[in-house]
Amino acid sequence: MEMGVAAKRIDPEDYVLSVLSPEDRLDAAFNVAREAFKKTKLTMKDIDKAVESVRRKAYEEKKESSR
């Protein structure tokens, strides 16, 4: 009994994100969020503060887990 080789389709967007480091993925997500919220009533200052807060929490968790 022969086993066939199945080709798997890869979404290029999934591949691009998979080769990025976790920090680069976070940066990419924040850039997308900035663009998405650009036309809302939130100010860029509000968005930047939220980004800094989330980034700080993410990096703190990373530091704690690497100890």
PDB file of N, CA and C in Angstrom:
ATOM      1  N   MET A   1       0.852  -1.175   0.000  1.00  0.00           N
ATOM      2  CA  MET A   1       0.000   0.000   0.000  1.00  0.00           C
ATOM      3  C   MET A   1       0.902   1.243   0.000  1.00  0.00           C
ATOM      4  N   GLU A   2       0.737   2.088  -0.997  1.00  0.00           N
ATOM      5  CA  GLU A   2       1.532   3.313  -1.098  1.00  0.00           C
ATOM      6  C   GLU A   2       0.814   4.481  -0.450  1.00  0.00           C
ATOM      7  N   MET A   3       1.592   5.307   0.175  1.00  0.00           N
ATOM      8  CA  MET A   3       1.033   6.524   0.770  1.00  0.00           C
ATOM      9  C   MET A   3       1.280   7.672  -0.197  1.00  0.00           C
ATOM     10  N   GLY A   4       0.253   8.406  -0.493  1.00  0.00           N
ATOM     11  CA  GLY A   4       0.398   9.565  -1.371  1.00  0.00           C
ATOM     12  C   GLY A   4       0.862  10.781  -0.592  1.00  0.00           C
ATOM     13  N   VAL A   5       1.480  11.685  -1.309  1.00  0.00           N
ATOM     14  CA  VAL A   5       1.916  12.941  -0.702  1.00  0.00           C
ATOM     15  C   VAL A   5       0.831  13.973  -0.963  1.00  0.00           C
ATOM     16  N   ALA A   6       0.346  14.559   0.097  1.00  0.00           N
ATOM     17  CA  ALA A   6      -0.714  15.558  -0.034  1.00  0.00           C
ATOM     18  C   ALA A   6      -0.092  16.953   0.062  1.00  0.00           C
ATOM     19  N   ALA A   7      -0.418  17.772  -0.901  1.00  0.00           N
ATOM     20  CA  ALA A   7       0.057  19.158  -0.877  1.00  0.00           C
ATOM     21  C   ALA A   7      -0.889  19.980  -0.023  1.00  0.00           C
ATOM     22  N   LYS A   8      -0.316  20.774   0.830  1.00  0.00           N
ATOM     23  CA  LYS A   8      -1.125  21.622   1.697  1.00  0.00           C
ATOM     24  C   LYS A   8      -0.994  23.059   1.212  1.00  0.00           C
ATOM     25  N   ARG A   9      -2.112  23.705   1.031  1.00  0.00           N
ATOM     26  CA  ARG A   9      -2.089  25.109   0.628  1.00  0.00           C
ATOM     27  C   ARG A   9      -1.771  25.964   1.842  1.00  0.00           C
ATOM     28  N   ILE A  10      -0.859  26.892   1.664  1.00  0.00           N
ATOM     29  CA  ILE A  10      -0.458  27.779   2.749  1.00  0.00           C
ATOM     30  C   ILE A  10      -0.887  29.192   2.399  1.00  0.00           C
ATOM     31  N   ASP A  11      -1.573  29.799   3.336  1.00  0.00           N
ATOM     32  CA  ASP A  11      -1.962  31.197   3.168  1.00  0.00           C
ATOM     33  C   ASP A  11      -0.716  32.052   3.378  1.00  0.00           C
ATOM     34  N   PRO A  12      -0.304  32.853   2.395  1.00  0.00           N
ATOM     35  CA  PRO A  12       0.917  33.652   2.548  1.00  0.00           C
ATOM     36  C   PRO A  12       0.915  34.537   3.788  1.00  0.00           C
ATOM     37  N   GLU A  13      -0.229  35.053   4.166  1.00  0.00           N
ATOM     38  CA  GLU A  13      -0.291  35.895   5.360  1.00  0.00           C
ATOM     39  C   GLU A  13       0.039  35.107   6.614  1.00  0.00           C
ATOM     40  N   ASP A  14      -0.403  33.855   6.690  1.00  0.00           N
ATOM     41  CA  ASP A  14      -0.068  33.008   7.836  1.00  0.00           C
ATOM     42  C   ASP A  14       1.428  32.723   7.863  1.00  0.00           C
ATOM     43  N   TYR A  15       2.011  32.503   6.704  1.00  0.00           N
ATOM     44  CA  TYR A  15       3.441  32.211   6.631  1.00  0.00           C
ATOM     45  C   TYR A  15       4.261  33.412   7.077  1.00  0.00           C
ATOM     46  N   VAL A  16       3.893  34.588   6.603  1.00  0.00           N
ATOM     47  CA  VAL A  16       4.635  35.798   6.963  1.00  0.00           C
ATOM     48  C   VAL A  16       4.635  35.976   8.477  1.00  0.00           C
ATOM     49  N   LEU A  17       3.496  35.810   9.105  1.00  0.00           N
ATOM     50  CA  LEU A  17       3.428  35.963  10.559  1.00  0.00           C
ATOM     51  C   LEU A  17       4.211  34.871  11.282  1.00  0.00           C
ATOM     52  N   SER A  18       4.259  33.675  10.720  1.00  0.00           N
ATOM     53  CA  SER A  18       4.939  32.576  11.409  1.00  0.00           C
ATOM     54  C   SER A  18       6.450  32.759  11.442  1.00  0.00           C
ATOM     55  N   VAL A  19       7.013  33.487  10.492  1.00  0.00           N
ATOM     56  CA  VAL A  19       8.466  33.681  10.493  1.00  0.00           C
ATOM     57  C   VAL A  19       8.896  34.878  11.334  1.00  0.00           C
ATOM     58  N   LEU A  20       7.936  35.662  11.802  1.00  0.00           N
ATOM     59  CA  LEU A  20       8.265  36.815  12.641  1.00  0.00           C
ATOM     60  C   LEU A  20       8.480  36.384  14.089  1.00  0.00           C
ATOM     61  N   SER A  21       9.309  37.125  14.778  1.00  0.00           N
ATOM     62  CA  SER A  21       9.495  36.880  16.210  1.00  0.00           C
ATOM     63  C   SER A  21       8.221  37.323  16.930  1.00  0.00           C
ATOM     64  N   PRO A  22       8.011  36.870  18.154  1.00  0.00           N
ATOM     65  CA  PRO A  22       6.820  37.313  18.897  1.00  0.00           C
ATOM     66  C   PRO A  22       6.749  38.837  19.025  1.00  0.00           C
ATOM     67  N   GLU A  23       7.901  39.478  19.207  1.00  0.00           N
ATOM     68  CA  GLU A  23       7.911  40.944  19.328  1.00  0.00           C
ATOM     69  C   GLU A  23       7.492  41.597  18.021  1.00  0.00           C
ATOM     70  N   ASP A  24       7.985  41.045  16.901  1.00  0.00           N
ATOM     71  CA  ASP A  24       7.625  41.602  15.598  1.00  0.00           C
ATOM     72  C   ASP A  24       6.142  41.388  15.295  1.00  0.00           C
ATOM     73  N   ARG A  25       5.609  40.234  15.727  1.00  0.00           N
ATOM     74  CA  ARG A  25       4.172  39.984  15.544  1.00  0.00           C
ATOM     75  C   ARG A  25       3.359  40.989  16.337  1.00  0.00           C
ATOM     76  N   LEU A  26       3.801  41.282  17.557  1.00  0.00           N
ATOM     77  CA  LEU A  26       3.111  42.256  18.397  1.00  0.00           C
ATOM     78  C   LEU A  26       3.155  43.631  17.744  1.00  0.00           C
ATOM     79  N   ASP A  27       4.318  44.013  17.232  1.00  0.00           N
ATOM     80  CA  ASP A  27       4.437  45.295  16.530  1.00  0.00           C
ATOM     81  C   ASP A  27       3.503  45.353  15.325  1.00  0.00           C
ATOM     82  N   ALA A  28       3.441  44.264  14.569  1.00  0.00           N
ATOM     83  CA  ALA A  28       2.559  44.220  13.397  1.00  0.00           C
ATOM     84  C   ALA A  28       1.101  44.363  13.811  1.00  0.00           C
ATOM     85  N   ALA A  29       0.730  43.695  14.890  1.00  0.00           N
ATOM     86  CA  ALA A  29      -0.658  43.782  15.379  1.00  0.00           C
ATOM     87  C   ALA A  29      -0.996  45.204  15.804  1.00  0.00           C
ATOM     88  N   PHE A  30      -0.043  45.871  16.456  1.00  0.00           N
ATOM     89  CA  PHE A  30      -0.286  47.244  16.883  1.00  0.00           C
ATOM     90  C   PHE A  30      -0.388  48.193  15.692  1.00  0.00           C
ATOM     91  N   ASN A  31       0.402  47.952  14.670  1.00  0.00           N
ATOM     92  CA  ASN A  31       0.311  48.783  13.467  1.00  0.00           C
ATOM     93  C   ASN A  31      -1.052  48.618  12.800  1.00  0.00           C
ATOM     94  N   VAL A  32      -1.545  47.393  12.761  1.00  0.00           N
ATOM     95  CA  VAL A  32      -2.875  47.143  12.194  1.00  0.00           C
ATOM     96  C   VAL A  32      -3.936  47.838  13.044  1.00  0.00           C
ATOM     97  N   ALA A  33      -3.794  47.753  14.365  1.00  0.00           N
ATOM     98  CA  ALA A  33      -4.756  48.396  15.272  1.00  0.00           C
ATOM     99  C   ALA A  33      -4.753  49.910  15.074  1.00  0.00           C
ATOM    100  N   ARG A  34      -3.579  50.493  14.955  1.00  0.00           N
ATOM    101  CA  ARG A  34      -3.506  51.947  14.724  1.00  0.00           C
ATOM    102  C   ARG A  34      -4.271  52.329  13.470  1.00  0.00           C
ATOM    103  N   GLU A  35      -4.064  51.570  12.397  1.00  0.00           N
ATOM    104  CA  GLU A  35      -4.757  51.862  11.145  1.00  0.00           C
ATOM    105  C   GLU A  35      -6.268  51.663  11.290  1.00  0.00           C
ATOM    106  N   ALA A  36      -6.665  50.615  12.000  1.00  0.00           N
ATOM    107  CA  ALA A  36      -8.089  50.309  12.160  1.00  0.00           C
ATOM    108  C   ALA A  36      -8.822  51.381  12.964  1.00  0.00           C
ATOM    109  N   PHE A  37      -8.151  51.950  13.954  1.00  0.00           N
ATOM    110  CA  PHE A  37      -8.788  52.935  14.823  1.00  0.00           C
ATOM    111  C   PHE A  37      -8.541  54.373  14.388  1.00  0.00           C
ATOM    112  N   LYS A  38      -7.865  54.544  13.286  1.00  0.00           N
ATOM    113  CA  LYS A  38      -7.505  55.878  12.820  1.00  0.00           C
ATOM    114  C   LYS A  38      -8.722  56.775  12.596  1.00  0.00           C
ATOM    115  N   LYS A  39      -9.808  56.201  12.104  1.00  0.00           N
ATOM    116  CA  LYS A  39     -10.992  57.007  11.767  1.00  0.00           C
ATOM    117  C   LYS A  39     -12.060  56.949  12.854  1.00  0.00           C
ATOM    118  N   THR A  40     -11.651  56.698  14.089  1.00  0.00           N
ATOM    119  CA  THR A  40     -12.610  56.688  15.198  1.00  0.00           C
ATOM    120  C   THR A  40     -12.441  57.969  16.007  1.00  0.00           C
ATOM    121  N   LYS A  41     -13.240  58.090  17.031  1.00  0.00           N
ATOM    122  CA  LYS A  41     -13.163  59.280  17.877  1.00  0.00           C
ATOM    123  C   LYS A  41     -11.982  59.219  18.838  1.00  0.00           C
ATOM    124  N   LEU A  42     -11.337  58.056  18.915  1.00  0.00           N
ATOM    125  CA  LEU A  42     -10.149  57.945  19.754  1.00  0.00           C
ATOM    126  C   LEU A  42      -9.030  58.786  19.154  1.00  0.00           C
ATOM    127  N   THR A  43      -8.257  59.398  20.003  1.00  0.00           N
ATOM    128  CA  THR A  43      -7.110  60.150  19.502  1.00  0.00           C
ATOM    129  C   THR A  43      -5.922  59.201  19.342  1.00  0.00           C
ATOM    130  N   MET A  44      -4.949  59.603  18.561  1.00  0.00           N
ATOM    131  CA  MET A  44      -3.748  58.786  18.409  1.00  0.00           C
ATOM    132  C   MET A  44      -3.053  58.629  19.763  1.00  0.00           C
ATOM    133  N   LYS A  45      -3.168  59.649  20.600  1.00  0.00           N
ATOM    134  CA  LYS A  45      -2.571  59.580  21.929  1.00  0.00           C
ATOM    135  C   LYS A  45      -3.229  58.458  22.739  1.00  0.00           C
ATOM    136  N   ASP A  46      -4.576  58.341  22.661  1.00  0.00           N
ATOM    137  CA  ASP A  46      -5.289  57.261  23.355  1.00  0.00           C
ATOM    138  C   ASP A  46      -4.817  55.896  22.860  1.00  0.00           C
ATOM    139  N   ILE A  47      -4.694  55.771  21.552  1.00  0.00           N
ATOM    140  CA  ILE A  47      -4.282  54.498  20.955  1.00  0.00           C
ATOM    141  C   ILE A  47      -2.848  54.172  21.357  1.00  0.00           C
ATOM    142  N   ASP A  48      -1.967  55.160  21.290  1.00  0.00           N
ATOM    143  CA  ASP A  48      -0.571  54.933  21.665  1.00  0.00           C
ATOM    144  C   ASP A  48      -0.439  54.542  23.133  1.00  0.00           C
ATOM    145  N   LYS A  49      -1.241  55.155  23.995  1.00  0.00           N
ATOM    146  CA  LYS A  49      -1.208  54.803  25.419  1.00  0.00           C
ATOM    147  C   LYS A  49      -1.650  53.354  25.618  1.00  0.00           C
ATOM    148  N   ALA A  50      -2.691  52.950  24.897  1.00  0.00           N
ATOM    149  CA  ALA A  50      -3.175  51.572  24.995  1.00  0.00           C
ATOM    150  C   ALA A  50      -2.113  50.598  24.484  1.00  0.00           C
ATOM    151  N   VAL A  51      -1.472  50.947  23.387  1.00  0.00           N
ATOM    152  CA  VAL A  51      -0.415  50.100  22.826  1.00  0.00           C
ATOM    153  C   VAL A  51       0.728  49.956  23.829  1.00  0.00           C
ATOM    154  N   GLU A  52       1.153  51.055  24.408  1.00  0.00           N
ATOM    155  CA  GLU A  52       2.241  51.008  25.387  1.00  0.00           C
ATOM    156  C   GLU A  52       1.864  50.147  26.587  1.00  0.00           C
ATOM    157  N   SER A  53       0.627  50.264  27.032  1.00  0.00           N
ATOM    158  CA  SER A  53       0.168  49.487  28.177  1.00  0.00           C
ATOM    159  C   SER A  53       0.189  47.988  27.871  1.00  0.00           C
ATOM    160  N   VAL A  54      -0.326  47.614  26.725  1.00  0.00           N
ATOM    161  CA  VAL A  54      -0.373  46.199  26.349  1.00  0.00           C
ATOM    162  C   VAL A  54       1.042  45.678  26.119  1.00  0.00           C
ATOM    163  N   ARG A  55       1.871  46.467  25.457  1.00  0.00           N
ATOM    164  CA  ARG A  55       3.249  46.051  25.196  1.00  0.00           C
ATOM    165  C   ARG A  55       4.005  45.859  26.518  1.00  0.00           C
ATOM    166  N   ARG A  56       3.825  46.765  27.451  1.00  0.00           N
ATOM    167  CA  ARG A  56       4.487  46.655  28.744  1.00  0.00           C
ATOM    168  C   ARG A  56       4.069  45.358  29.439  1.00  0.00           C
ATOM    169  N   LYS A  57       2.772  45.066  29.437  1.00  0.00           N
ATOM    170  CA  LYS A  57       2.286  43.838  30.067  1.00  0.00           C
ATOM    171  C   LYS A  57       2.843  42.602  29.374  1.00  0.00           C
ATOM    172  N   ALA A  58       2.899  42.623  28.044  1.00  0.00           N
ATOM    173  CA  ALA A  58       3.397  41.476  27.283  1.00  0.00           C
ATOM    174  C   ALA A  58       4.875  41.238  27.577  1.00  0.00           C
ATOM    175  N   TYR A  59       5.655  42.296  27.640  1.00  0.00           N
ATOM    176  CA  TYR A  59       7.080  42.143  27.907  1.00  0.00           C
ATOM    177  C   TYR A  59       7.336  41.742  29.354  1.00  0.00           C
ATOM    178  N   GLU A  60       6.522  42.222  30.291  1.00  0.00           N
ATOM    179  CA  GLU A  60       6.669  41.813  31.684  1.00  0.00           C
ATOM    180  C   GLU A  60       6.398  40.318  31.827  1.00  0.00           C
ATOM    181  N   GLU A  61       5.362  39.830  31.141  1.00  0.00           N
ATOM    182  CA  GLU A  61       5.034  38.404  31.196  1.00  0.00           C
ATOM    183  C   GLU A  61       6.176  37.591  30.618  1.00  0.00           C
ATOM    184  N   LYS A  62       6.788  38.094  29.548  1.00  0.00           N
ATOM    185  CA  LYS A  62       7.890  37.378  28.908  1.00  0.00           C
ATOM    186  C   LYS A  62       9.091  37.315  29.850  1.00  0.00           C
ATOM    187  N   LYS A  63       9.390  38.423  30.517  1.00  0.00           N
ATOM    188  CA  LYS A  63      10.514  38.449  31.449  1.00  0.00           C
ATOM    189  C   LYS A  63      10.298  37.465  32.590  1.00  0.00           C
ATOM    190  N   GLU A  64       9.072  37.446  33.120  1.00  0.00           N
ATOM    191  CA  GLU A  64       8.771  36.555  34.237  1.00  0.00           C
ATOM    192  C   GLU A  64       8.860  35.089  33.831  1.00  0.00           C
ATOM    193  N   SER A  65       8.427  34.773  32.625  1.00  0.00           N
ATOM    194  CA  SER A  65       8.446  33.381  32.178  1.00  0.00           C
ATOM    195  C   SER A  65       9.846  32.906  31.814  1.00  0.00           C
ATOM    196  N   SER A  66      10.760  33.827  31.499  1.00  0.00           N
ATOM    197  CA  SER A  66      12.109  33.425  31.126  1.00  0.00           C
ATOM    198  C   SER A  66      13.034  33.283  32.332  1.00  0.00           C
ATOM    199  N   ARG A  67      12.557  33.626  33.495  1.00  0.00           N
ATOM    200  CA  ARG A  67      13.389  33.510  34.709  1.00  0.00           C
ATOM    201  C   ARG A  67      13.415  32.127  35.238  1.00  0.00           C
TER     202      ARG A  67
END
